[in-house]
Every structure is written in C-alpha cells, then in structure tokens.
PDB file of N, CA and C in Angstrom:
ATOM      1  N   UNK A   1     -48.654 170.644 192.872  1.00  0.00           N
ATOM      2  CA  UNK A   1     -48.151 172.360 193.514  1.00  0.00           C
ATOM      3  C   UNK A   1     -48.723 172.570 194.658  1.00  0.00           C
ATOM      4  N   UNK A   2     -48.110 173.424 195.352  1.00  0.00           N
ATOM      5  CA  UNK A   2     -48.644 173.617 196.869  1.00  0.00           C
ATOM      6  C   UNK A   2     -49.966 174.437 196.932  1.00  0.00           C
ATOM      7  N   UNK A   3     -50.638 174.156 198.009  1.00  0.00           N
ATOM      8  CA  UNK A   3     -51.635 174.463 198.303  1.00  0.00           C
ATOM      9  C   UNK A   3     -51.489 176.223 198.095  1.00  0.00           C
ATOM     10  N   UNK A   4     -52.390 176.850 197.487  1.00  0.00           N
ATOM     11  CA  UNK A   4     -52.305 178.637 197.441  1.00  0.00           C
ATOM     12  C   UNK A   4     -51.209 178.977 196.216  1.00  0.00           C
ATOM     13  N   UNK A   5     -50.172 177.905 195.856  1.00  0.00           N
ATOM     14  CA  UNK A   5     -49.593 178.471 194.854  1.00  0.00           C
ATOM     15  C   UNK A   5     -50.363 178.814 193.484  1.00  0.00           C
ATOM     16  N   UNK A   6     -49.890 180.051 192.602  1.00  0.00           N
ATOM     17  CA  UNK A   6     -50.958 180.386 191.918  1.00  0.00           C
ATOM     18  C   UNK A   6     -50.526 179.156 190.464  1.00  0.00           C
ATOM     19  N   UNK A   7     -52.055 179.540 190.148  1.00  0.00           N
ATOM     20  CA  UNK A   7     -51.947 178.807 188.950  1.00  0.00           C
ATOM     21  C   UNK A   7     -51.753 178.901 187.895  1.00  0.00           C
ATOM     22  N   UNK A   8     -51.364 178.480 186.746  1.00  0.00           N
ATOM     23  CA  UNK A   8     -51.372 179.136 184.986  1.00  0.00           C
ATOM     24  C   UNK A   8     -52.763 179.794 184.752  1.00  0.00           C
ATOM     25  N   UNK A   9     -52.999 180.811 184.492  1.00  0.00           N
ATOM     26  CA  UNK A   9     -54.258 181.671 184.066  1.00  0.00           C
ATOM     27  C   UNK A   9     -54.666 181.075 182.484  1.00  0.00           C
ATOM     28  N   UNK A  10     -55.731 180.730 182.582  1.00  0.00           N
ATOM     29  CA  UNK A  10     -56.654 180.190 181.570  1.00  0.00           C
ATOM     30  C   UNK A  10     -57.288 181.265 180.645  1.00  0.00           C
ATOM     31  N   UNK A  11     -57.883 181.954 181.076  1.00  0.00           N
ATOM     32  CA  UNK A  11     -58.531 182.903 180.351  1.00  0.00           C
ATOM     33  C   UNK A  11     -58.945 184.241 181.144  1.00  0.00           C
ATOM     34  N   UNK A  12     -58.842 184.925 180.399  1.00  0.00           N
ATOM     35  CA  UNK A  12     -59.214 186.346 181.347  1.00  0.00           C
ATOM     36  C   UNK A  12     -60.463 187.373 181.025  1.00  0.00           C
ATOM     37  N   UNK A  13     -60.948 188.047 182.254  1.00  0.00           N
ATOM     38  CA  UNK A  13     -62.245 188.283 181.502  1.00  0.00           C
ATOM     39  C   UNK A  13     -63.073 189.774 182.233  1.00  0.00           C
ATOM     40  N   UNK A  14     -63.303 190.796 181.588  1.00  0.00           N
ATOM     41  CA  UNK A  14     -63.774 192.158 182.467  1.00  0.00           C
ATOM     42  C   UNK A  14     -65.098 192.009 182.393  1.00  0.00           C
ATOM     43  N   UNK A  15     -65.320 192.538 183.847  1.00  0.00           N
ATOM     44  CA  UNK A  15     -66.608 192.425 184.582  1.00  0.00           C
ATOM     45  C   UNK A  15     -67.017 193.996 184.866  1.00  0.00           C
ATOM     46  N   UNK A  16     -68.114 194.374 184.295  1.00  0.00           N
ATOM     47  CA  UNK A  16     -69.530 193.478 183.538  1.00  0.00           C
ATOM     48  C   UNK A  16     -68.695 193.456 182.165  1.00  0.00           C
ATOM     49  N   UNK A  17     -69.552 192.665 181.745  1.00  0.00           N
ATOM     50  CA  UNK A  17     -68.904 192.281 179.787  1.00  0.00           C
ATOM     51  C   UNK A  17     -69.726 193.300 179.225  1.00  0.00           C
ATOM     52  N   UNK A  18     -70.841 193.771 179.596  1.00  0.00           N
ATOM     53  CA  UNK A  18     -71.086 194.929 178.336  1.00  0.00           C
ATOM     54  C   UNK A  18     -71.235 196.210 179.124  1.00  0.00           C
ATOM     55  N   UNK A  19     -70.483 197.422 178.951  1.00  0.00           N
ATOM     56  CA  UNK A  19     -70.743 198.847 179.553  1.00  0.00           C
ATOM     57  C   UNK A  19     -71.495 199.789 179.106  1.00  0.00           C
ATOM     58  N   UNK A  20     -72.455 200.631 179.147  1.00  0.00           N
ATOM     59  CA  UNK A  20     -73.038 201.426 178.930  1.00  0.00           C
ATOM     60  C   UNK A  20     -73.006 202.584 180.262  1.00  0.00           C
ATOM     61  N   UNK A  21     -72.808 204.108 179.389  1.00  0.00           N
ATOM     62  CA  UNK A  21     -72.523 204.907 180.725  1.00  0.00           C
ATOM     63  C   UNK A  21     -73.555 205.998 180.159  1.00  0.00           C
ATOM     64  N   UNK A  22     -74.371 206.402 180.560  1.00  0.00           N
ATOM     65  CA  UNK A  22     -75.643 207.157 180.294  1.00  0.00           C
ATOM     66  C   UNK A  22     -75.577 208.373 180.927  1.00  0.00           C
ATOM     67  N   UNK A  23     -75.022 209.199 180.332  1.00  0.00           N
ATOM     68  CA  UNK A  23     -74.806 210.386 180.311  1.00  0.00           C
ATOM     69  C   UNK A  23     -73.649 210.976 181.256  1.00  0.00           C
ATOM     70  N   UNK A  24     -73.217 212.594 181.448  1.00  0.00           N
ATOM     71  CA  UNK A  24     -71.916 212.828 181.899  1.00  0.00           C
ATOM     72  C   UNK A  24     -72.261 212.824 183.348  1.00  0.00           C
ATOM     73  N   UNK A  25     -70.869 212.032 184.020  1.00  0.00           N
ATOM     74  CA  UNK A  25     -70.439 211.889 185.348  1.00  0.00           C
ATOM     75  C   UNK A  25     -71.249 210.183 185.663  1.00  0.00           C
ATOM     76  N   UNK A  26     -71.954 209.726 184.689  1.00  0.00           N
ATOM     77  CA  UNK A  26     -71.777 208.670 185.126  1.00  0.00           C
ATOM     78  C   UNK A  26     -70.478 207.552 185.114  1.00  0.00           C
ATOM     79  N   UNK A  27     -71.069 206.590 185.686  1.00  0.00           N
ATOM     80  CA  UNK A  27     -69.213 205.622 186.297  1.00  0.00           C
ATOM     81  C   UNK A  27     -69.930 204.459 186.377  1.00  0.00           C
ATOM     82  N   UNK A  28     -68.649 203.546 186.538  1.00  0.00           N
ATOM     83  CA  UNK A  28     -68.989 201.742 186.438  1.00  0.00           C
ATOM     84  C   UNK A  28     -67.307 201.402 187.183  1.00  0.00           C
ATOM     85  N   UNK A  29     -67.688 200.694 187.943  1.00  0.00           N
ATOM     86  CA  UNK A  29     -66.835 200.118 188.444  1.00  0.00           C
ATOM     87  C   UNK A  29     -66.121 198.953 187.822  1.00  0.00           C
ATOM     88  N   UNK A  30     -64.716 198.595 187.621  1.00  0.00           N
ATOM     89  CA  UNK A  30     -64.400 197.570 186.533  1.00  0.00           C
ATOM     90  C   UNK A  30     -63.653 196.208 187.539  1.00  0.00           C
ATOM     91  N   UNK A  31     -63.825 195.509 187.359  1.00  0.00           N
ATOM     92  CA  UNK A  31     -62.987 194.128 187.933  1.00  0.00           C
ATOM     93  C   UNK A  31     -62.509 193.274 186.548  1.00  0.00           C
ATOM     94  N   UNK A  32     -61.080 192.546 186.532  1.00  0.00           N
ATOM     95  CA  UNK A  32     -60.506 191.747 185.872  1.00  0.00           C
ATOM     96  C   UNK A  32     -60.600 190.427 186.606  1.00  0.00           C
ATOM     97  N   UNK A  33     -61.011 189.434 186.024  1.00  0.00           N
ATOM     98  CA  UNK A  33     -60.902 188.120 186.504  1.00  0.00           C
ATOM     99  C   UNK A  33     -60.344 187.589 185.733  1.00  0.00           C
ATOM    100  N   UNK A  34     -59.082 186.493 186.183  1.00  0.00           N
ATOM    101  CA  UNK A  34     -58.611 185.467 185.556  1.00  0.00           C
ATOM    102  C   UNK A  34     -58.859 184.183 185.915  1.00  0.00           C
ATOM    103  N   UNK A  35     -59.418 183.109 185.106  1.00  0.00           N
ATOM    104  CA  UNK A  35     -59.530 181.942 185.977  1.00  0.00           C
ATOM    105  C   UNK A  35     -58.474 181.349 185.598  1.00  0.00           C
ATOM    106  N   UNK A  36     -58.009 180.288 186.854  1.00  0.00           N
ATOM    107  CA  UNK A  36     -57.081 179.453 186.703  1.00  0.00           C
ATOM    108  C   UNK A  36     -57.077 178.317 186.139  1.00  0.00           C
ATOM    109  N   UNK A  37     -55.886 177.355 185.944  1.00  0.00           N
ATOM    110  CA  UNK A  37     -56.149 176.229 185.396  1.00  0.00           C
ATOM    111  C   UNK A  37     -56.635 175.386 186.828  1.00  0.00           C
ATOM    112  N   UNK A  38     -57.017 175.788 187.891  1.00  0.00           N
ATOM    113  CA  UNK A  38     -57.529 174.797 189.322  1.00  0.00           C
ATOM    114  C   UNK A  38     -58.971 175.023 189.090  1.00  0.00           C
ATOM    115  N   UNK A  39     -59.400 175.757 188.167  1.00  0.00           N
ATOM    116  CA  UNK A  39     -60.935 175.900 187.956  1.00  0.00           C
ATOM    117  C   UNK A  39     -61.305 177.215 189.021  1.00  0.00           C
ATOM    118  N   UNK A  40     -60.273 177.816 189.755  1.00  0.00           N
ATOM    119  CA  UNK A  40     -60.933 179.157 190.435  1.00  0.00           C
ATOM    120  C   UNK A  40     -60.579 180.451 189.638  1.00  0.00           C
ATOM    121  N   UNK A  41     -61.493 181.461 189.996  1.00  0.00           N
ATOM    122  CA  UNK A  41     -61.580 182.591 189.545  1.00  0.00           C
ATOM    123  C   UNK A  41     -60.965 183.428 190.307  1.00  0.00           C
ATOM    124  N   UNK A  42     -59.936 184.697 189.930  1.00  0.00           N
ATOM    125  CA  UNK A  42     -59.014 185.200 190.786  1.00  0.00           C
ATOM    126  C   UNK A  42     -59.083 186.862 190.218  1.00  0.00           C
ATOM    127  N   UNK A  43     -59.441 187.645 191.240  1.00  0.00           N
ATOM    128  CA  UNK A  43     -59.523 188.871 190.916  1.00  0.00           C
ATOM    129  C   UNK A  43     -58.122 189.504 190.500  1.00  0.00           C
ATOM    130  N   UNK A  44     -57.962 189.984 189.476  1.00  0.00           N
ATOM    131  CA  UNK A  44     -56.482 190.694 189.095  1.00  0.00           C
ATOM    132  C   UNK A  44     -56.900 192.080 188.627  1.00  0.00           C
ATOM    133  N   UNK A  45     -57.775 192.954 189.226  1.00  0.00           N
ATOM    134  CA  UNK A  45     -58.186 194.055 188.621  1.00  0.00           C
ATOM    135  C   UNK A  45     -56.603 195.016 189.018  1.00  0.00           C
ATOM    136  N   UNK A  46     -55.873 195.036 189.929  1.00  0.00           N
ATOM    137  CA  UNK A  46     -54.888 195.997 190.089  1.00  0.00           C
ATOM    138  C   UNK A  46     -53.671 195.216 189.074  1.00  0.00           C
ATOM    139  N   UNK A  47     -53.641 194.203 188.841  1.00  0.00           N
ATOM    140  CA  UNK A  47     -52.580 193.240 188.022  1.00  0.00           C
ATOM    141  C   UNK A  47     -52.506 193.681 186.418  1.00  0.00           C
ATOM    142  N   UNK A  48     -53.435 193.815 185.767  1.00  0.00           N
ATOM    143  CA  UNK A  48     -53.851 194.163 184.262  1.00  0.00           C
ATOM    144  C   UNK A  48     -53.171 195.576 183.846  1.00  0.00           C
ATOM    145  N   UNK A  49     -52.956 195.557 182.725  1.00  0.00           N
ATOM    146  CA  UNK A  49     -53.019 196.800 182.336  1.00  0.00           C
ATOM    147  C   UNK A  49     -53.943 197.276 181.762  1.00  0.00           C
ATOM    148  N   UNK A  50     -54.895 198.237 181.971  1.00  0.00           N
ATOM    149  CA  UNK A  50     -56.300 198.992 181.036  1.00  0.00           C
ATOM    150  C   UNK A  50     -55.493 199.626 179.960  1.00  0.00           C
ATOM    151  N   UNK A  51     -56.395 199.476 179.012  1.00  0.00           N
ATOM    152  CA  UNK A  51     -56.390 200.407 177.952  1.00  0.00           C
ATOM    153  C   UNK A  51     -57.563 200.853 177.092  1.00  0.00           C
ATOM    154  N   UNK A  52     -57.823 201.798 176.743  1.00  0.00           N
ATOM    155  CA  UNK A  52     -59.088 202.366 176.293  1.00  0.00           C
ATOM    156  C   UNK A  52     -58.913 203.039 175.180  1.00  0.00           C
ATOM    157  N   UNK A  53     -59.134 202.485 173.754  1.00  0.00           N
ATOM    158  CA  UNK A  53     -59.292 203.188 172.660  1.00  0.00           C
ATOM    159  C   UNK A  53     -59.719 204.790 172.125  1.00  0.00           C
ATOM    160  N   UNK A  54     -60.463 204.854 172.528  1.00  0.00           N
ATOM    161  CA  UNK A  54     -60.715 206.370 172.760  1.00  0.00           C
ATOM    162  C   UNK A  54     -60.575 207.406 173.925  1.00  0.00           C
ATOM    163  N   UNK A  55     -59.969 208.092 174.275  1.00  0.00           N
ATOM    164  CA  UNK A  55     -59.580 208.478 175.350  1.00  0.00           C
ATOM    165  C   UNK A  55     -60.626 209.954 175.613  1.00  0.00           C
ATOM    166  N   UNK A  56     -61.013 210.457 174.811  1.00  0.00           N
ATOM    167  CA  UNK A  56     -62.435 211.193 174.729  1.00  0.00           C
ATOM    168  C   UNK A  56     -63.666 210.896 175.018  1.00  0.00           C
ATOM    169  N   UNK A  57     -64.010 209.478 175.028  1.00  0.00           N
ATOM    170  CA  UNK A  57     -65.064 208.948 175.503  1.00  0.00           C
ATOM    171  C   UNK A  57     -65.297 208.747 177.421  1.00  0.00           C
ATOM    172  N   UNK A  58     -64.076 208.548 177.777  1.00  0.00           N
ATOM    173  CA  UNK A  58     -64.511 207.730 179.013  1.00  0.00           C
ATOM    174  C   UNK A  58     -62.614 208.055 179.672  1.00  0.00           C
ATOM    175  N   UNK A  59     -63.015 208.541 180.951  1.00  0.00           N
ATOM    176  CA  UNK A  59     -61.889 208.228 181.664  1.00  0.00           C
ATOM    177  C   UNK A  59     -61.406 207.116 182.635  1.00  0.00           C
ATOM    178  N   UNK A  60     -60.394 206.829 182.889  1.00  0.00           N
ATOM    179  CA  UNK A  60     -60.334 205.133 183.118  1.00  0.00           C
ATOM    180  C   UNK A  60     -59.427 205.774 184.380  1.00  0.00           C
ATOM    181  N   UNK A  61     -59.707 205.396 185.687  1.00  0.00           N
ATOM    182  CA  UNK A  61     -59.052 205.879 186.803  1.00  0.00           C
ATOM    183  C   UNK A  61     -57.850 204.904 187.148  1.00  0.00           C
ATOM    184  N   UNK A  62     -56.759 204.866 188.160  1.00  0.00           N
ATOM    185  CA  UNK A  62     -56.172 203.981 188.585  1.00  0.00           C
ATOM    186  C   UNK A  62     -56.594 203.248 188.811  1.00  0.00           C
ATOM    187  N   UNK A  63     -58.179 203.020 189.805  1.00  0.00           N
ATOM    188  CA  UNK A  63     -58.612 202.558 190.434  1.00  0.00           C
ATOM    189  C   UNK A  63     -59.484 201.526 189.864  1.00  0.00           C
ATOM    190  N   UNK A  64     -59.329 201.395 188.504  1.00  0.00           N
ATOM    191  CA  UNK A  64     -60.111 200.737 187.388  1.00  0.00           C
ATOM    192  C   UNK A  64     -61.528 201.019 187.474  1.00  0.00           C
ATOM    193  N   UNK A  65     -61.566 202.371 187.692  1.00  0.00           N
ATOM    194  CA  UNK A  65     -63.248 203.145 187.362  1.00  0.00           C
ATOM    195  C   UNK A  65     -63.173 203.794 185.923  1.00  0.00           C
ATOM    196  N   UNK A  66     -64.391 203.260 185.252  1.00  0.00           N
ATOM    197  CA  UNK A  66     -64.705 204.066 184.091  1.00  0.00           C
ATOM    198  C   UNK A  66     -65.573 205.207 184.306  1.00  0.00           C
ATOM    199  N   UNK A  67     -65.389 206.527 184.139  1.00  0.00           N
ATOM    200  CA  UNK A  67     -66.380 207.530 183.841  1.00  0.00           C
ATOM    201  C   UNK A  67     -66.547 207.962 182.731  1.00  0.00           C
ATOM    202  N   UNK A  68     -67.892 208.682 182.379  1.00  0.00           N
ATOM    203  CA  UNK A  68     -68.430 209.070 181.329  1.00  0.00           C
ATOM    204  C   UNK A  68     -67.714 210.496 180.950  1.00  0.00           C
ATOM    205  N   UNK A  69     -67.172 210.737 180.009  1.00  0.00           N
ATOM    206  CA  UNK A  69     -66.943 212.206 179.214  1.00  0.00           C
ATOM    207  C   UNK A  69     -67.859 212.983 178.316  1.00  0.00           C
ATOM    208  N   UNK A  70     -68.047 211.755 176.996  1.00  0.00           N
ATOM    209  CA  UNK A  70     -68.582 212.472 175.981  1.00  0.00           C
ATOM    210  C   UNK A  70     -69.197 211.365 175.478  1.00  0.00           C
ATOM    211  N   UNK A  71     -70.497 211.590 174.592  1.00  0.00           N
ATOM    212  CA  UNK A  71     -71.450 210.195 173.473  1.00  0.00           C
ATOM    213  C   UNK A  71     -69.970 209.949 172.637  1.00  0.00           C
ATOM    214  N   UNK A  72     -70.445 208.318 172.614  1.00  0.00           N
ATOM    215  CA  UNK A  72     -69.433 208.009 171.483  1.00  0.00           C
ATOM    216  C   UNK A  72     -69.251 206.366 171.824  1.00  0.00           C
ATOM    217  N   UNK A  73     -68.253 205.837 171.422  1.00  0.00           N
ATOM    218  CA  UNK A  73     -68.013 204.278 171.625  1.00  0.00           C
ATOM    219  C   UNK A  73     -66.716 204.066 171.801  1.00  0.00           C
ATOM    220  N   UNK A  74     -66.195 203.227 172.603  1.00  0.00           N
ATOM    221  CA  UNK A  74     -64.140 202.590 172.831  1.00  0.00           C
ATOM    222  C   UNK A  74     -64.456 201.190 172.877  1.00  0.00           C
ATOM    223  N   UNK A  75     -63.421 200.848 172.780  1.00  0.00           N
ATOM    224  CA  UNK A  75     -63.409 199.426 173.249  1.00  0.00           C
ATOM    225  C   UNK A  75     -62.227 199.594 174.705  1.00  0.00           C
ATOM    226  N   UNK A  76     -62.506 198.899 175.460  1.00  0.00           N
ATOM    227  CA  UNK A  76     -61.662 198.964 176.609  1.00  0.00           C
ATOM    228  C   UNK A  76     -60.864 197.387 176.758  1.00  0.00           C
ATOM    229  N   UNK A  77     -59.411 197.468 176.910  1.00  0.00           N
ATOM    230  CA  UNK A  77     -58.691 195.931 176.926  1.00  0.00           C
ATOM    231  C   UNK A  77     -58.173 196.111 178.066  1.00  0.00           C
ATOM    232  N   UNK A  78     -57.850 194.740 178.749  1.00  0.00           N
ATOM    233  CA  UNK A  78     -57.262 194.376 179.474  1.00  0.00           C
ATOM    234  C   UNK A  78     -56.390 193.122 179.320  1.00  0.00           C
ATOM    235  N   UNK A  79     -54.909 193.857 179.515  1.00  0.00           N
ATOM    236  CA  UNK A  79     -54.110 192.716 179.562  1.00  0.00           C
ATOM    237  C   UNK A  79     -53.034 192.438 180.702  1.00  0.00           C
ATOM    238  N   UNK A  80     -52.691 190.762 181.025  1.00  0.00           N
ATOM    239  CA  UNK A  80     -51.849 190.185 181.930  1.00  0.00           C
ATOM    240  C   UNK A  80     -51.154 189.246 181.047  1.00  0.00           C
ATOM    241  N   UNK A  81     -49.837 189.483 181.670  1.00  0.00           N
ATOM    242  CA  UNK A  81     -48.817 188.373 180.984  1.00  0.00           C
ATOM    243  C   UNK A  81     -49.404 187.006 180.931  1.00  0.00           C
ATOM    244  N   UNK A  82     -49.370 186.338 180.100  1.00  0.00           N
ATOM    245  CA  UNK A  82     -49.574 184.837 179.948  1.00  0.00           C
ATOM    246  C   UNK A  82     -50.525 184.366 179.644  1.00  0.00           C
ATOM    247  N   UNK A  83     -51.951 185.295 179.143  1.00  0.00           N
ATOM    248  CA  UNK A  83     -53.124 185.266 179.206  1.00  0.00           C
ATOM    249  C   UNK A  83     -53.316 186.091 177.689  1.00  0.00           C
ATOM    250  N   UNK A  84     -54.649 185.358 177.186  1.00  0.00           N
ATOM    251  CA  UNK A  84     -55.081 186.313 176.090  1.00  0.00           C
ATOM    252  C   UNK A  84     -55.781 187.780 176.317  1.00  0.00           C
ATOM    253  N   UNK A  85     -55.383 189.003 175.863  1.00  0.00           N
ATOM    254  CA  UNK A  85     -56.412 190.028 176.232  1.00  0.00           C
ATOM    255  C   UNK A  85     -57.705 190.209 176.672  1.00  0.00           C
ATOM    256  N   UNK A  86     -58.472 190.750 177.179  1.00  0.00           N
ATOM    257  CA  UNK A  86     -60.025 190.882 177.082  1.00  0.00           C
ATOM    258  C   UNK A  86     -60.490 191.940 176.558  1.00  0.00           C
ATOM    259  N   UNK A  87     -61.810 192.097 176.236  1.00  0.00           N
ATOM    260  CA  UNK A  87     -62.105 193.421 175.634  1.00  0.00           C
ATOM    261  C   UNK A  87     -63.347 193.628 176.051  1.00  0.00           C
ATOM    262  N   UNK A  88     -64.022 194.891 176.046  1.00  0.00           N
ATOM    263  CA  UNK A  88     -65.234 195.144 176.027  1.00  0.00           C
ATOM    264  C   UNK A  88     -65.571 196.155 175.292  1.00  0.00           C
ATOM    265  N   UNK A  89     -67.128 196.577 174.924  1.00  0.00           N
ATOM    266  CA  UNK A  89     -67.284 197.862 173.981  1.00  0.00           C
ATOM    267  C   UNK A  89     -67.877 198.320 175.176  1.00  0.00           C
ATOM    268  N   UNK A  90     -67.332 199.869 175.275  1.00  0.00           N
ATOM    269  CA  UNK A  90     -67.989 200.756 176.142  1.00  0.00           C
ATOM    270  C   UNK A  90     -68.478 201.682 175.457  1.00  0.00           C
ATOM    271  N   UNK A  91     -69.941 201.904 175.674  1.00  0.00           N
ATOM    272  CA  UNK A  91     -71.177 202.697 175.039  1.00  0.00           C
ATOM    273  C   UNK A  91     -71.540 203.886 176.075  1.00  0.00           C
ATOM    274  N   UNK A  92     -71.228 205.415 175.169  1.00  0.00           N
ATOM    275  CA  UNK A  92     -71.486 206.573 176.310  1.00  0.00           C
ATOM    276  C   UNK A  92     -72.529 207.443 175.414  1.00  0.00           C
TER     277      UNK A  92
END
C-alpha cells in the first residue's frame, strides 16, 4: 500500500465512551475514531452517520455536539461503511 493510503477499518469507537449530561444546556463534543488495519487511529467524526434513539433527550448538531434537552436515556450510534457501528448510552 502506498504511504498515506487509507487502510481497511478494523473497528469504530465513540469518544467519550460514556456520556452523562447534567442539566439543561449541558453539552458534550463527540469524536468518532476508526482503528485501521495498520494500527493507526483516525478521526472520522465528519464521515460517520450519527443516530440518537430518543430525540427528546438530547439534540445532536451537525458538528457532532450533543446537547441536553430533558432527563432520560438514549443510545447514540455512529455508523461507517465497512465497519461495525459503535454505540454509547447517553444519560441526561
């Protein structure tokens, strides 16, 4: 493979791995990181598809910032072609 060529993704994770937003207006910036077959982690935050199971609990901005709306729990999923989706639980 050429130097700098993308490697096949091995795994995807969301950073932070646990999310707890305390109170209205609380927010958390999210990152999606993929581990390549070359062992190098790459930031793919802008490339993943983000989904939140309960939209009334938090809002997700296009810049991958999660903002608290009301008390509850939701599952945040990041999906990227070619690798298993990553999930974290969000507590508000």
